[in-house]
Amino acid sequence: MAKYAVIKIKGNQYKVKEGDEILVNKIEGEPEAGVLLVAKEGDIKVGKPVLSNAKVVLETLEPLVKGKKVEVRTFKAKARYRKKKGFRPQYSRLKVKSF
């Protein structure tokens, strides 16, 4: 049985294992994660909403990673109106050391 945890960082939930690298929305400073669930060899612990005695140790590998460009196009039919906007989301790359 696999050992994994479900954590919550800045409103998003991630299922992680030890050694995983994850991209999360840009974080300033030290990352803080609330542990929602821990599963170790058939023993599953679920928090209400978080587990108070569980902790996930995260390491920041890259504080700023730019994602793929997202393009937004708008147009209005029969009016010859077209607009194009774009942006690149900013992420932080984290590594799960232990939990």
N, C-alpha and C. Protein backbone atom coordinates (compact mmCIF):
# COMPACT_ATOMS: atom_id res chain seq x y z
N MET A 1 0.85 -1.19 0.00
CA MET A 1 0.00 0.00 0.00
C MET A 1 0.88 1.23 0.00
N ALA A 2 0.50 2.22 -0.74
CA ALA A 2 1.30 3.43 -0.89
C ALA A 2 1.15 4.35 0.32
N LYS A 3 2.19 5.14 0.54
CA LYS A 3 2.17 6.13 1.61
C LYS A 3 2.00 7.49 0.94
N TYR A 4 0.90 8.20 1.24
CA TYR A 4 0.64 9.49 0.62
C TYR A 4 -0.11 10.39 1.58
N ALA A 5 -0.18 11.66 1.20
CA ALA A 5 -0.91 12.64 2.00
C ALA A 5 -1.63 13.59 1.06
N VAL A 6 -2.71 14.17 1.55
CA VAL A 6 -3.42 15.22 0.83
C VAL A 6 -3.21 16.50 1.62
N ILE A 7 -2.62 17.50 0.96
CA ILE A 7 -2.31 18.76 1.63
C ILE A 7 -3.05 19.91 0.95
N LYS A 8 -3.18 21.00 1.69
CA LYS A 8 -3.86 22.19 1.17
C LYS A 8 -2.90 23.36 1.25
N ILE A 9 -2.62 23.98 0.09
CA ILE A 9 -1.74 25.13 0.02
C ILE A 9 -2.47 26.23 -0.76
N LYS A 10 -2.67 27.38 -0.13
CA LYS A 10 -3.31 28.53 -0.77
C LYS A 10 -4.63 28.18 -1.45
N GLY A 11 -5.46 27.37 -0.80
CA GLY A 11 -6.78 27.07 -1.32
C GLY A 11 -6.84 25.91 -2.30
N ASN A 12 -5.71 25.32 -2.68
CA ASN A 12 -5.70 24.18 -3.60
C ASN A 12 -5.22 22.93 -2.88
N GLN A 13 -5.77 21.80 -3.26
CA GLN A 13 -5.40 20.52 -2.64
C GLN A 13 -4.52 19.71 -3.57
N TYR A 14 -3.52 19.03 -2.99
CA TYR A 14 -2.57 18.22 -3.75
C TYR A 14 -2.38 16.88 -3.05
N LYS A 15 -2.36 15.81 -3.84
CA LYS A 15 -2.05 14.48 -3.33
C LYS A 15 -0.56 14.26 -3.57
N VAL A 16 0.22 14.07 -2.48
CA VAL A 16 1.67 14.01 -2.60
C VAL A 16 2.23 12.77 -1.90
N LYS A 17 3.41 12.37 -2.38
CA LYS A 17 4.21 11.32 -1.74
C LYS A 17 5.57 11.91 -1.43
N GLU A 18 6.38 11.22 -0.63
CA GLU A 18 7.72 11.70 -0.33
C GLU A 18 8.55 11.75 -1.60
N GLY A 19 9.27 12.85 -1.79
CA GLY A 19 10.11 13.00 -2.97
C GLY A 19 9.42 13.63 -4.16
N ASP A 20 8.12 13.87 -4.09
CA ASP A 20 7.38 14.48 -5.20
C ASP A 20 7.76 15.95 -5.35
N GLU A 21 7.73 16.44 -6.59
CA GLU A 21 7.88 17.85 -6.88
C GLU A 21 6.54 18.34 -7.42
N ILE A 22 6.05 19.45 -6.86
CA ILE A 22 4.75 19.98 -7.28
C ILE A 22 4.88 21.45 -7.64
N LEU A 23 4.03 21.90 -8.56
CA LEU A 23 3.92 23.32 -8.90
C LEU A 23 2.69 23.88 -8.20
N VAL A 24 2.89 24.94 -7.41
CA VAL A 24 1.78 25.58 -6.72
C VAL A 24 1.78 27.06 -7.10
N ASN A 25 0.67 27.74 -6.85
CA ASN A 25 0.63 29.17 -7.10
C ASN A 25 1.74 29.86 -6.32
N LYS A 26 2.29 30.93 -6.88
CA LYS A 26 3.46 31.60 -6.33
C LYS A 26 3.33 31.86 -4.83
N ILE A 27 4.38 31.48 -4.09
CA ILE A 27 4.41 31.62 -2.63
C ILE A 27 5.58 32.52 -2.25
N GLU A 28 5.33 33.51 -1.42
CA GLU A 28 6.39 34.35 -0.88
C GLU A 28 6.82 33.76 0.46
N GLY A 29 8.11 33.54 0.66
CA GLY A 29 8.62 33.03 1.93
C GLY A 29 8.48 31.52 2.05
N GLU A 30 8.39 31.06 3.29
CA GLU A 30 8.29 29.62 3.57
C GLU A 30 6.90 29.09 3.25
N PRO A 31 6.82 27.95 2.57
CA PRO A 31 5.50 27.37 2.27
C PRO A 31 4.89 26.72 3.52
N GLU A 32 3.61 26.94 3.72
CA GLU A 32 2.88 26.32 4.83
C GLU A 32 1.76 25.49 4.24
N ALA A 33 1.65 24.26 4.72
CA ALA A 33 0.64 23.35 4.19
C ALA A 33 -0.18 22.78 5.34
N GLY A 34 -1.50 22.74 5.15
CA GLY A 34 -2.38 22.07 6.09
C GLY A 34 -2.58 20.63 5.61
N VAL A 35 -2.41 19.69 6.50
CA VAL A 35 -2.53 18.27 6.14
C VAL A 35 -3.98 17.84 6.35
N LEU A 36 -4.63 17.42 5.27
CA LEU A 36 -6.03 17.02 5.34
C LEU A 36 -6.20 15.52 5.54
N LEU A 37 -5.25 14.73 4.99
CA LEU A 37 -5.37 13.28 5.06
C LEU A 37 -3.97 12.67 4.97
N VAL A 38 -3.75 11.60 5.75
CA VAL A 38 -2.50 10.84 5.69
C VAL A 38 -2.86 9.37 5.60
N ALA A 39 -2.27 8.68 4.62
CA ALA A 39 -2.49 7.24 4.45
C ALA A 39 -1.13 6.54 4.49
N LYS A 40 -0.97 5.64 5.47
CA LYS A 40 0.26 4.87 5.60
C LYS A 40 -0.10 3.41 5.76
N GLU A 41 0.20 2.62 4.75
CA GLU A 41 0.04 1.17 4.78
C GLU A 41 -1.31 0.71 5.34
N GLY A 42 -2.37 1.19 4.76
CA GLY A 42 -3.70 0.77 5.15
C GLY A 42 -4.32 1.57 6.28
N ASP A 43 -3.52 2.35 7.00
CA ASP A 43 -4.02 3.19 8.09
C ASP A 43 -4.27 4.59 7.55
N ILE A 44 -5.54 5.00 7.49
CA ILE A 44 -5.91 6.30 6.93
C ILE A 44 -6.42 7.19 8.06
N LYS A 45 -5.82 8.39 8.14
CA LYS A 45 -6.25 9.38 9.12
C LYS A 45 -6.79 10.59 8.38
N VAL A 46 -7.99 11.00 8.72
CA VAL A 46 -8.65 12.12 8.05
C VAL A 46 -8.88 13.22 9.08
N GLY A 47 -8.54 14.45 8.71
CA GLY A 47 -8.72 15.59 9.60
C GLY A 47 -10.10 16.21 9.48
N LYS A 48 -10.45 17.01 10.47
CA LYS A 48 -11.73 17.71 10.47
C LYS A 48 -11.51 19.18 10.76
N PRO A 49 -11.12 20.02 9.87
CA PRO A 49 -10.73 19.82 8.49
C PRO A 49 -9.26 19.43 8.32
N VAL A 50 -8.37 19.76 9.30
CA VAL A 50 -6.96 19.40 9.17
C VAL A 50 -6.52 18.54 10.34
N LEU A 51 -5.45 17.77 10.12
CA LEU A 51 -4.87 16.97 11.19
C LEU A 51 -3.91 17.87 11.99
N SER A 52 -4.12 17.93 13.29
CA SER A 52 -3.31 18.83 14.11
C SER A 52 -1.91 18.27 14.39
N ASN A 53 -1.78 16.94 14.45
CA ASN A 53 -0.48 16.35 14.81
C ASN A 53 0.34 15.93 13.59
N ALA A 54 -0.16 16.11 12.39
CA ALA A 54 0.58 15.72 11.18
C ALA A 54 1.24 16.96 10.57
N LYS A 55 2.42 16.74 9.98
CA LYS A 55 3.16 17.84 9.37
C LYS A 55 3.86 17.35 8.12
N VAL A 56 3.80 18.15 7.07
CA VAL A 56 4.50 17.86 5.82
C VAL A 56 5.63 18.87 5.69
N VAL A 57 6.85 18.36 5.49
CA VAL A 57 8.02 19.23 5.34
C VAL A 57 8.22 19.51 3.86
N LEU A 58 8.16 20.79 3.49
CA LEU A 58 8.30 21.21 2.09
C LEU A 58 9.57 22.03 1.92
N GLU A 59 10.22 21.86 0.77
CA GLU A 59 11.41 22.62 0.43
C GLU A 59 11.14 23.37 -0.87
N THR A 60 11.49 24.65 -0.92
CA THR A 60 11.30 25.44 -2.13
C THR A 60 12.49 25.21 -3.06
N LEU A 61 12.23 24.63 -4.23
CA LEU A 61 13.29 24.42 -5.22
C LEU A 61 13.48 25.66 -6.08
N GLU A 62 12.38 26.20 -6.59
CA GLU A 62 12.41 27.43 -7.39
C GLU A 62 11.28 28.33 -6.91
N PRO A 63 11.61 29.55 -6.45
CA PRO A 63 10.54 30.42 -5.95
C PRO A 63 9.65 31.00 -7.05
N LEU A 64 10.19 31.08 -8.29
CA LEU A 64 9.38 31.63 -9.38
C LEU A 64 9.59 30.82 -10.64
N VAL A 65 8.51 30.21 -11.13
CA VAL A 65 8.50 29.48 -12.39
C VAL A 65 7.35 30.03 -13.20
N LYS A 66 7.61 30.40 -14.45
CA LYS A 66 6.53 30.91 -15.29
C LYS A 66 5.91 29.75 -16.06
N GLY A 67 4.59 29.71 -16.09
CA GLY A 67 3.86 28.66 -16.79
C GLY A 67 3.72 28.96 -18.27
N LYS A 68 2.99 28.11 -18.95
CA LYS A 68 2.72 28.32 -20.37
C LYS A 68 1.83 29.54 -20.55
N LYS A 69 2.00 30.21 -21.68
CA LYS A 69 1.21 31.40 -21.95
C LYS A 69 -0.26 31.02 -22.17
N VAL A 70 -1.14 31.78 -21.56
CA VAL A 70 -2.58 31.59 -21.71
C VAL A 70 -3.09 32.75 -22.55
N GLU A 71 -3.76 32.44 -23.65
CA GLU A 71 -4.30 33.47 -24.52
C GLU A 71 -5.82 33.54 -24.37
N VAL A 72 -6.33 34.75 -24.31
CA VAL A 72 -7.76 34.98 -24.21
C VAL A 72 -8.16 35.83 -25.40
N ARG A 73 -9.08 35.35 -26.19
CA ARG A 73 -9.54 36.10 -27.36
C ARG A 73 -11.03 36.40 -27.19
N THR A 74 -11.40 37.63 -27.53
CA THR A 74 -12.81 38.02 -27.51
C THR A 74 -13.17 38.61 -28.85
N PHE A 75 -14.40 38.43 -29.23
CA PHE A 75 -14.88 39.07 -30.45
C PHE A 75 -16.38 39.25 -30.35
N LYS A 76 -16.87 40.19 -31.13
CA LYS A 76 -18.31 40.42 -31.23
C LYS A 76 -18.70 40.20 -32.68
N ALA A 77 -19.68 39.37 -32.86
CA ALA A 77 -20.10 39.03 -34.22
C ALA A 77 -20.64 40.25 -34.95
N LYS A 78 -20.33 40.35 -36.23
CA LYS A 78 -20.84 41.37 -37.14
C LYS A 78 -20.43 42.79 -36.78
N ALA A 79 -19.51 42.97 -35.85
CA ALA A 79 -19.12 44.32 -35.46
C ALA A 79 -17.64 44.59 -35.74
N ARG A 80 -16.94 43.62 -36.30
CA ARG A 80 -15.50 43.73 -36.58
C ARG A 80 -14.71 44.10 -35.33
N TYR A 81 -15.11 43.53 -34.21
CA TYR A 81 -14.44 43.79 -32.93
C TYR A 81 -13.71 42.52 -32.50
N ARG A 82 -12.39 42.62 -32.36
CA ARG A 82 -11.58 41.49 -31.91
C ARG A 82 -10.51 42.01 -30.95
N LYS A 83 -10.27 41.25 -29.88
CA LYS A 83 -9.21 41.59 -28.93
C LYS A 83 -8.49 40.32 -28.53
N LYS A 84 -7.21 40.46 -28.26
CA LYS A 84 -6.40 39.33 -27.82
C LYS A 84 -5.62 39.78 -26.59
N LYS A 85 -5.73 39.01 -25.51
CA LYS A 85 -4.98 39.27 -24.28
C LYS A 85 -4.23 37.99 -23.94
N GLY A 86 -3.18 38.12 -23.17
CA GLY A 86 -2.44 36.95 -22.75
C GLY A 86 -1.67 37.22 -21.48
N PHE A 87 -1.35 36.15 -20.76
CA PHE A 87 -0.52 36.26 -19.56
C PHE A 87 0.12 34.91 -19.29
N ARG A 88 1.16 34.93 -18.47
CA ARG A 88 1.83 33.70 -18.06
C ARG A 88 1.67 33.56 -16.55
N PRO A 89 1.01 32.51 -16.07
CA PRO A 89 0.84 32.34 -14.62
C PRO A 89 2.18 32.09 -13.94
N GLN A 90 2.28 32.51 -12.68
CA GLN A 90 3.51 32.34 -11.91
C GLN A 90 3.31 31.25 -10.87
N TYR A 91 4.27 30.34 -10.82
CA TYR A 91 4.22 29.21 -9.91
C TYR A 91 5.47 29.17 -9.05
N SER A 92 5.43 28.36 -8.00
CA SER A 92 6.61 28.00 -7.21
C SER A 92 6.74 26.49 -7.28
N ARG A 93 7.98 25.99 -7.42
CA ARG A 93 8.22 24.55 -7.46
C ARG A 93 8.66 24.11 -6.06
N LEU A 94 7.90 23.17 -5.49
CA LEU A 94 8.18 22.67 -4.15
C LEU A 94 8.51 21.18 -4.19
N LYS A 95 9.31 20.74 -3.22
CA LYS A 95 9.62 19.31 -3.10
C LYS A 95 9.17 18.85 -1.72
N VAL A 96 8.51 17.68 -1.68
CA VAL A 96 8.04 17.11 -0.42
C VAL A 96 9.17 16.29 0.17
N LYS A 97 9.67 16.73 1.33
CA LYS A 97 10.79 16.02 1.95
C LYS A 97 10.29 14.84 2.79
N SER A 98 9.33 15.09 3.66
CA SER A 98 8.81 14.01 4.52
C SER A 98 7.47 14.42 5.10
N PHE A 99 6.76 13.42 5.64
CA PHE A 99 5.52 13.68 6.39
C PHE A 99 5.26 12.57 7.36
